[in-house]
Amino acid sequence: MTTSPQQQTNASRWIAARTAHFDSSGIRRVFDLAAKLKNPINLSIGQPHFDVPESVKQSMIQAIKDGRNGYSPTQGIAPLRERLLADVHREWPDSDRKLLVTSGTSGALNLALLALVDPGDEVIIFDPYFVMYAPLVRLASGIPVLVDTNAAFQIDLDRFVAALSPKTKLVLLNSPGNPTGVCLDEASVKEVAEICAQRNIALISDEIYRHFCFDTPFVSAAKFNPETIVVDGFSKSHAMTGWRLGFVHGPAEVVETMTKLQQYTYVCAPQPVQWAGLSALDCDVSPYMEDYRQKRDRLYAGLKDHYEIVKPDGAFYMYPKLPWGTGQKFVEKAIEHELLVIPGNIFSRHDTHFRLSFANTDEQLDRGIDVLRKIA
């Protein structure tokens, strides 16, 4: 059965205007090209290359066998929430933070923005940024305000303060960051957190890469601003990207509002996965982190003489400056050599860099280094 032009026209009229803010074509194009390559060197994927720990898999299987397959309470199963809250209160002993288990960290971000942002509210996002931030702000009818970071991808406090306005409702922090892999320095995090507290501006700290800090200890904005809304999860630390398990903690009023929204959207995180998450909290992931530190060093050593790079101190990304041309042209040249990377204009309003993921085998990293040195 074919679709007539009239039917196509009608269908296009049905599409909500808010969907125009979402464009996955840049990353999708890379994945489409990857499917056509016989032996791709895939340094584009933003997920760990190691598998879910065996004990976590077995906990998931056991939960399914035990019939824990129905809805859980919207806020999450009690054992997982209690365990996570115990860890939160250990880190911030004097706080009275509430916690919600969510369907992934992306689910947590979406719920937080829907809970906080009214039409016309401005949300500060530091550029470069995680690809979802600006579209999710617009989905909540907010206005993304992009603030350039400095040459080292650290926060420029003068630019930040200059971007604040009476309409500023929220600031989004991400450290260690995607796509740069940079950990924000403690002084900047403290300054931003305190300014938000002084001006009654909400602050979200996306801490999904908090376990991936290679050179300096992780610093949370909640250390300096007790009203910070912290988003975290299991996707990166335990390779559970497809299992969709995250959590958020912060002021009671905010978390309770997010819980109400989750009831009418995601309903709850998948129950078997929540029991697996409880098991994951007993896993030692430090060997994985050490492996990624070595991979970071391997990739940086192989490229630093050919590319201008801010050495990442966290996550598993590197964000080199383009040696020539546009991001799209550079990516096309890389693909000619079966190398997949992501152009920087996916993560920024500036077309000056590209993103690499070193979540891969050393053999693949070495192949990627050879190609990148060749095309520089």
Protein backbone atom coordinates (compact mmCIF):
# COMPACT_ATOMS: atom_id res chain seq x y z
CA MET A 1 0.00 0.00 0.00
CA THR A 2 1.44 3.38 -1.00
CA THR A 3 0.97 6.73 0.70
CA SER A 4 -0.49 9.51 -1.41
CA PRO A 5 1.04 13.01 -1.42
CA GLN A 6 -2.15 14.28 0.25
CA GLN A 7 -1.77 11.79 3.10
CA GLN A 8 1.89 12.78 3.52
CA THR A 9 0.90 16.44 3.71
CA ASN A 10 -1.73 15.71 6.34
CA ALA A 11 0.69 13.61 8.38
CA SER A 12 3.29 16.37 8.37
CA ARG A 13 0.70 18.78 9.68
CA TRP A 14 0.03 16.50 12.64
CA ILE A 15 3.62 16.67 13.87
CA ALA A 16 4.01 18.84 16.99
CA ALA A 17 6.20 21.91 16.64
CA ARG A 18 8.26 20.88 19.68
CA THR A 19 9.74 17.97 17.72
CA ALA A 20 11.59 20.40 15.46
CA HIS A 21 14.06 20.94 18.32
CA PHE A 22 15.32 17.35 18.02
CA ASP A 23 17.83 16.47 15.32
CA SER A 24 19.67 13.16 15.62
CA SER A 25 20.78 13.15 11.99
CA GLY A 26 24.45 13.90 12.74
CA ILE A 27 25.06 10.96 15.05
CA ARG A 28 22.60 8.73 13.19
CA ARG A 29 24.50 9.34 9.95
CA VAL A 30 27.68 8.04 11.55
CA PHE A 31 25.91 4.90 12.81
CA ASP A 32 24.34 4.33 9.38
CA LEU A 33 27.77 4.55 7.80
CA ALA A 34 29.19 2.17 10.40
CA ALA A 35 26.74 -0.51 9.29
CA LYS A 36 28.17 -0.35 5.77
CA LEU A 37 31.83 -0.71 6.76
CA LYS A 38 33.42 -4.16 6.74
CA ASN A 39 35.96 -3.59 9.51
CA PRO A 40 35.16 -0.26 11.20
CA ILE A 41 37.29 1.37 13.86
CA ASN A 42 34.48 2.69 16.01
CA LEU A 43 35.67 5.48 18.28
CA SER A 44 32.26 7.13 18.27
CA ILE A 45 30.32 5.07 20.81
CA GLY A 46 29.57 6.70 24.15
CA GLN A 47 29.31 3.53 26.19
CA PRO A 48 31.80 1.27 28.01
CA HIS A 49 33.39 -1.49 26.00
CA PHE A 50 33.44 -3.91 28.95
CA ASP A 51 30.46 -6.13 29.72
CA VAL A 52 28.04 -5.89 32.64
CA PRO A 53 29.68 -7.61 35.66
CA GLU A 54 28.64 -11.26 35.94
CA SER A 55 27.21 -10.89 39.44
CA VAL A 56 24.92 -8.11 38.19
CA LYS A 57 23.71 -10.28 35.30
CA GLN A 58 22.93 -13.11 37.70
CA SER A 59 20.97 -10.77 39.98
CA MET A 60 18.90 -9.67 37.00
CA ILE A 61 18.22 -13.29 35.99
CA GLN A 62 17.30 -14.23 39.54
CA ALA A 63 14.90 -11.30 39.85
CA ILE A 64 13.13 -12.43 36.67
CA LYS A 65 12.97 -16.03 37.91
CA ASP A 66 11.62 -14.84 41.25
CA GLY A 67 8.72 -13.14 39.48
CA ARG A 68 9.86 -9.57 40.15
CA ASN A 69 8.60 -8.53 36.74
CA GLY A 70 5.73 -6.21 37.51
CA TYR A 71 5.59 -2.54 38.35
CA SER A 72 7.62 -1.36 41.29
CA PRO A 73 6.67 1.66 43.39
CA THR A 74 7.13 4.75 41.22
CA GLN A 75 9.97 5.98 43.43
CA GLY A 76 11.83 2.65 43.15
CA ILE A 77 12.15 -0.53 45.22
CA ALA A 78 12.81 0.19 48.89
CA PRO A 79 16.11 -1.80 49.20
CA LEU A 80 17.72 0.10 46.33
CA ARG A 81 16.51 3.51 47.48
CA GLU A 82 17.63 2.87 51.03
CA ARG A 83 21.06 1.72 49.90
CA LEU A 84 21.53 4.69 47.57
CA LEU A 85 20.30 7.13 50.22
CA ALA A 86 22.75 5.65 52.74
CA ASP A 87 25.58 6.40 50.29
CA VAL A 88 24.23 9.92 49.70
CA HIS A 89 24.00 10.67 53.42
CA ARG A 90 27.48 9.26 53.94
CA GLU A 91 28.78 11.80 51.44
CA TRP A 92 26.61 14.66 52.73
CA PRO A 93 25.92 13.70 56.38
CA ASP A 94 24.06 16.86 57.34
CA SER A 95 21.70 16.92 54.35
CA ASP A 96 18.06 15.92 54.15
CA ARG A 97 18.03 14.83 50.54
CA LYS A 98 15.26 12.78 48.90
CA LEU A 99 15.92 10.21 46.18
CA LEU A 100 14.05 8.87 43.15
CA VAL A 101 15.04 5.86 41.02
CA THR A 102 14.50 6.71 37.36
CA SER A 103 14.40 5.08 33.94
CA GLY A 104 17.97 6.03 33.05
CA THR A 105 19.80 9.26 33.71
CA SER A 106 18.19 10.72 30.58
CA GLY A 107 14.84 10.03 32.22
CA ALA A 108 16.04 11.81 35.33
CA LEU A 109 17.16 14.85 33.32
CA ASN A 110 13.89 15.01 31.44
CA LEU A 111 11.83 14.79 34.64
CA ALA A 112 13.97 17.42 36.36
CA LEU A 113 13.56 19.89 33.51
CA LEU A 114 9.81 19.27 33.28
CA ALA A 115 9.55 19.78 37.04
CA LEU A 116 11.54 23.02 37.09
CA VAL A 117 11.23 24.88 33.79
CA ASP A 118 8.25 27.01 32.79
CA PRO A 119 7.75 28.52 29.30
CA GLY A 120 10.26 31.30 28.76
CA ASP A 121 12.59 30.29 31.60
CA GLU A 122 16.28 30.44 30.67
CA VAL A 123 18.63 27.54 31.33
CA ILE A 124 22.41 28.03 31.34
CA ILE A 125 24.31 25.31 29.45
CA PHE A 126 28.10 25.35 29.14
CA ASP A 127 29.35 24.85 25.56
CA PRO A 128 30.40 22.20 24.52
CA TYR A 129 27.63 20.15 26.10
CA PHE A 130 25.94 16.75 26.15
CA VAL A 131 23.81 16.54 23.02
CA MET A 132 20.50 16.09 24.90
CA TYR A 133 20.68 19.21 27.06
CA ALA A 134 19.40 21.90 24.71
CA PRO A 135 16.61 19.80 23.12
CA LEU A 136 15.33 18.69 26.54
CA VAL A 137 15.26 22.30 27.71
CA ARG A 138 13.20 23.23 24.66
CA LEU A 139 10.91 20.23 25.22
CA ALA A 140 10.14 21.77 28.62
CA SER A 141 9.42 25.11 26.80
CA GLY A 142 12.57 26.66 28.22
CA ILE A 143 15.24 28.72 26.47
CA PRO A 144 18.78 27.28 26.33
CA VAL A 145 21.44 29.93 26.94
CA LEU A 146 24.81 28.63 25.75
CA VAL A 147 27.88 29.93 27.57
CA ASP A 148 31.28 29.24 25.99
CA THR A 149 33.91 27.65 28.19
CA ASN A 150 37.54 28.73 27.95
CA ALA A 151 40.30 27.13 25.88
CA ALA A 152 40.76 24.39 28.50
CA PHE A 153 36.98 23.73 28.58
CA GLN A 154 36.78 25.16 32.09
CA ILE A 155 34.04 27.58 33.13
CA ASP A 156 34.72 31.23 32.33
CA LEU A 157 33.11 32.86 35.37
CA ASP A 158 32.86 36.30 33.75
CA ARG A 159 30.94 34.85 30.81
CA PHE A 160 28.76 32.87 33.18
CA VAL A 161 27.80 35.87 35.30
CA ALA A 162 27.22 37.99 32.18
CA ALA A 163 24.78 35.35 30.85
CA LEU A 164 22.59 35.44 33.97
CA SER A 165 19.36 37.38 33.71
CA PRO A 166 16.10 37.78 35.66
CA LYS A 167 14.77 34.90 33.52
CA THR A 168 17.54 32.46 34.52
CA LYS A 169 15.83 29.55 36.25
CA LEU A 170 18.41 26.81 36.09
CA VAL A 171 22.08 25.99 35.48
CA LEU A 172 23.23 22.62 34.10
CA LEU A 173 26.66 21.30 35.14
CA ASN A 174 28.32 18.16 33.79
CA SER A 175 31.65 17.02 35.27
CA PRO A 176 33.46 14.96 34.12
CA GLY A 177 32.01 16.18 30.87
CA ASN A 178 30.75 14.74 27.63
CA PRO A 179 32.16 15.43 25.00
CA THR A 180 35.41 16.85 26.43
CA GLY A 181 36.24 14.42 29.23
CA VAL A 182 37.26 17.44 31.32
CA CYS A 183 36.69 17.59 35.09
CA LEU A 184 35.70 21.09 36.20
CA ASP A 185 38.10 22.56 38.72
CA GLU A 186 36.86 22.78 42.30
CA ALA A 187 37.11 26.57 42.49
CA SER A 188 34.80 27.05 39.50
CA VAL A 189 32.30 24.47 40.73
CA LYS A 190 32.25 26.21 44.12
CA GLU A 191 31.75 29.64 42.55
CA VAL A 192 28.90 28.52 40.29
CA ALA A 193 27.22 26.61 43.11
CA GLU A 194 27.40 29.57 45.48
CA ILE A 195 26.17 32.06 42.88
CA CYS A 196 23.17 29.82 42.19
CA ALA A 197 22.44 29.63 45.92
CA GLN A 198 22.75 33.41 46.35
CA ARG A 199 20.49 34.19 43.39
CA ASN A 200 17.94 31.43 44.03
CA ILE A 201 18.75 29.68 40.74
CA ALA A 202 18.24 25.92 40.52
CA LEU A 203 21.35 23.85 39.83
CA ILE A 204 21.49 20.38 38.25
CA SER A 205 24.74 18.44 38.51
CA ASP A 206 24.95 15.60 35.97
CA GLU A 207 27.37 13.17 37.64
CA ILE A 208 27.01 10.09 35.47
CA TYR A 209 30.81 9.98 34.96
CA ARG A 210 31.75 10.63 38.61
CA HIS A 211 33.57 7.26 38.85
CA PHE A 212 35.76 8.17 35.85
CA CYS A 213 38.14 10.69 37.45
CA PHE A 214 41.73 9.83 36.60
CA ASP A 215 43.92 12.61 37.99
CA THR A 216 41.96 14.46 40.69
CA PRO A 217 39.19 13.44 43.13
CA PHE A 218 35.61 14.01 42.00
CA VAL A 219 33.98 17.20 43.27
CA SER A 220 30.19 17.61 43.37
CA ALA A 221 28.45 20.97 43.30
CA ALA A 222 26.30 19.65 46.16
CA LYS A 223 29.36 20.06 48.39
CA PHE A 224 28.90 23.84 48.11
CA ASN A 225 25.17 24.16 47.48
CA PRO A 226 22.91 21.78 49.45
CA GLU A 227 19.99 22.53 47.10
CA THR A 228 21.82 21.03 44.11
CA ILE A 229 19.83 18.40 42.19
CA VAL A 230 22.20 15.50 41.46
CA VAL A 231 21.61 13.13 38.54
CA ASP A 232 23.48 9.82 38.50
CA GLY A 233 23.09 6.24 37.32
CA PHE A 234 24.58 2.86 36.47
CA SER A 235 24.96 3.14 32.68
CA LYS A 236 28.61 4.16 32.47
CA SER A 237 30.09 2.78 35.68
CA HIS A 238 28.63 -0.72 35.23
CA ALA A 239 28.13 -0.83 31.41
CA MET A 240 24.35 -0.97 31.90
CA THR A 241 23.50 1.54 29.15
CA GLY A 242 20.73 -0.62 27.72
CA TRP A 243 19.24 -1.45 31.10
CA ARG A 244 18.00 2.12 31.73
CA LEU A 245 18.64 2.65 35.44
CA GLY A 246 19.35 6.05 36.93
CA PHE A 247 18.56 8.04 40.03
CA VAL A 248 18.29 11.61 41.23
CA HIS A 249 18.54 13.17 44.66
CA GLY A 250 17.97 16.67 45.92
CA PRO A 251 15.48 18.92 47.74
CA ALA A 252 12.30 17.14 48.81
CA GLU A 253 9.92 19.41 46.88
CA VAL A 254 11.80 18.89 43.63
CA VAL A 255 12.16 15.12 43.97
CA GLU A 256 8.52 14.71 45.00
CA THR A 257 7.42 16.66 41.93
CA MET A 258 9.64 14.51 39.72
CA THR A 259 8.15 11.39 41.31
CA LYS A 260 4.67 12.62 40.45
CA LEU A 261 5.75 13.25 36.84
CA GLN A 262 7.38 9.84 36.58
CA GLN A 263 4.11 8.22 37.69
CA TYR A 264 2.43 9.70 34.60
CA THR A 265 5.29 9.14 32.14
CA TYR A 266 7.83 6.36 32.70
CA VAL A 267 5.74 4.85 35.58
CA CYS A 268 8.87 3.31 37.12
CA ALA A 269 12.29 1.99 36.23
CA PRO A 270 12.19 -1.69 35.12
CA GLN A 271 11.87 -3.71 38.32
CA PRO A 272 14.32 -6.57 37.51
CA VAL A 273 16.94 -3.98 36.60
CA GLN A 274 16.49 -2.28 39.96
CA TRP A 275 17.37 -5.52 41.77
CA ALA A 276 20.40 -5.83 39.51
CA GLY A 277 21.34 -2.26 40.41
CA LEU A 278 21.27 -3.17 44.08
CA SER A 279 23.80 -5.91 43.33
CA ALA A 280 25.88 -3.54 41.22
CA LEU A 281 26.52 -1.35 44.25
CA ASP A 282 28.65 -4.18 45.67
CA CYS A 283 30.84 -4.40 42.56
CA ASP A 284 34.35 -2.99 42.59
CA VAL A 285 34.62 -1.00 39.35
CA SER A 286 38.05 0.50 40.10
CA PRO A 287 39.88 -1.93 37.76
CA TYR A 288 37.73 -0.66 34.88
CA MET A 289 38.56 2.92 35.79
CA GLU A 290 42.28 2.17 35.85
CA ASP A 291 41.98 0.52 32.44
CA TYR A 292 40.34 3.68 31.06
CA ARG A 293 43.04 5.88 32.53
CA GLN A 294 45.63 3.82 30.63
CA LYS A 295 43.56 4.03 27.44
CA ARG A 296 43.35 7.80 27.85
CA ASP A 297 47.14 7.96 28.15
CA ARG A 298 47.59 5.67 25.13
CA LEU A 299 45.35 7.76 22.88
CA TYR A 300 46.74 11.08 24.08
CA ALA A 301 50.36 9.99 23.59
CA GLY A 302 49.55 8.82 20.07
CA LEU A 303 47.84 12.05 18.99
CA LYS A 304 49.31 14.96 20.94
CA ASP A 305 52.01 15.69 18.35
CA HIS A 306 49.47 15.91 15.53
CA TYR A 307 46.43 17.49 17.20
CA GLU A 308 45.69 20.27 19.63
CA ILE A 309 44.08 18.45 22.57
CA VAL A 310 43.05 19.35 26.10
CA LYS A 311 44.06 16.18 27.94
CA PRO A 312 40.88 14.76 29.47
CA ASP A 313 41.00 13.91 33.16
CA GLY A 314 37.70 12.03 33.29
CA ALA A 315 34.95 10.15 31.42
CA PHE A 316 36.16 8.25 28.33
CA TYR A 317 36.15 10.97 25.69
CA MET A 318 38.73 13.14 23.98
CA TYR A 319 37.85 16.32 22.09
CA PRO A 320 40.67 17.24 19.69
CA LYS A 321 40.66 20.40 17.61
CA LEU A 322 40.10 19.89 13.90
CA PRO A 323 43.44 20.09 12.06
CA TRP A 324 41.68 21.32 8.91
CA GLY A 325 38.27 21.81 7.34
CA THR A 326 34.84 21.37 8.85
CA GLY A 327 33.74 18.62 11.18
CA GLN A 328 31.68 17.00 8.45
CA LYS A 329 34.54 17.00 5.92
CA PHE A 330 36.94 15.62 8.51
CA VAL A 331 34.54 12.86 9.52
CA GLU A 332 34.03 11.93 5.85
CA LYS A 333 37.80 11.65 5.40
CA ALA A 334 38.02 9.47 8.53
CA ILE A 335 35.25 7.21 7.23
CA GLU A 336 37.22 6.70 4.01
CA HIS A 337 39.75 4.97 6.31
CA GLU A 338 36.98 3.05 8.15
CA LEU A 339 37.30 5.27 11.23
CA LEU A 340 34.14 6.54 12.94
CA VAL A 341 34.24 9.71 15.05
CA ILE A 342 31.61 12.36 15.88
CA PRO A 343 31.81 15.96 14.56
CA GLY A 344 31.96 18.56 17.32
CA ASN A 345 29.05 20.62 16.02
CA ILE A 346 26.77 17.91 17.45
CA PHE A 347 27.87 19.12 20.90
CA SER A 348 28.52 22.79 20.28
CA ARG A 349 27.51 25.82 18.27
CA HIS A 350 31.16 25.90 17.11
CA ASP A 351 32.40 23.59 14.34
CA THR A 352 35.98 23.42 15.60
CA HIS A 353 36.51 19.98 17.20
CA PHE A 354 35.56 16.32 16.98
CA ARG A 355 34.86 13.71 19.65
CA LEU A 356 36.67 10.43 20.19
CA SER A 357 35.66 7.71 22.61
CA PHE A 358 38.48 5.59 24.02
CA ALA A 359 35.99 3.00 25.31
CA ASN A 360 37.46 0.33 23.07
CA THR A 361 40.20 -2.27 22.90
CA ASP A 362 43.84 -1.20 22.75
CA GLU A 363 44.08 -2.79 19.30
CA GLN A 364 41.23 -0.63 17.99
CA LEU A 365 42.69 2.47 19.63
CA ASP A 366 46.02 1.82 17.91
CA ARG A 367 44.29 1.44 14.56
CA GLY A 368 42.45 4.71 15.19
CA ILE A 369 45.66 6.49 16.14
CA ASP A 370 47.30 5.38 12.90
CA VAL A 371 44.40 6.74 10.82
CA LEU A 372 44.19 10.02 12.71
CA ARG A 373 47.94 10.63 12.37
CA LYS A 374 47.68 9.88 8.65
CA ILE A 375 44.81 12.30 7.93
CA ALA A 376 45.99 15.13 10.22
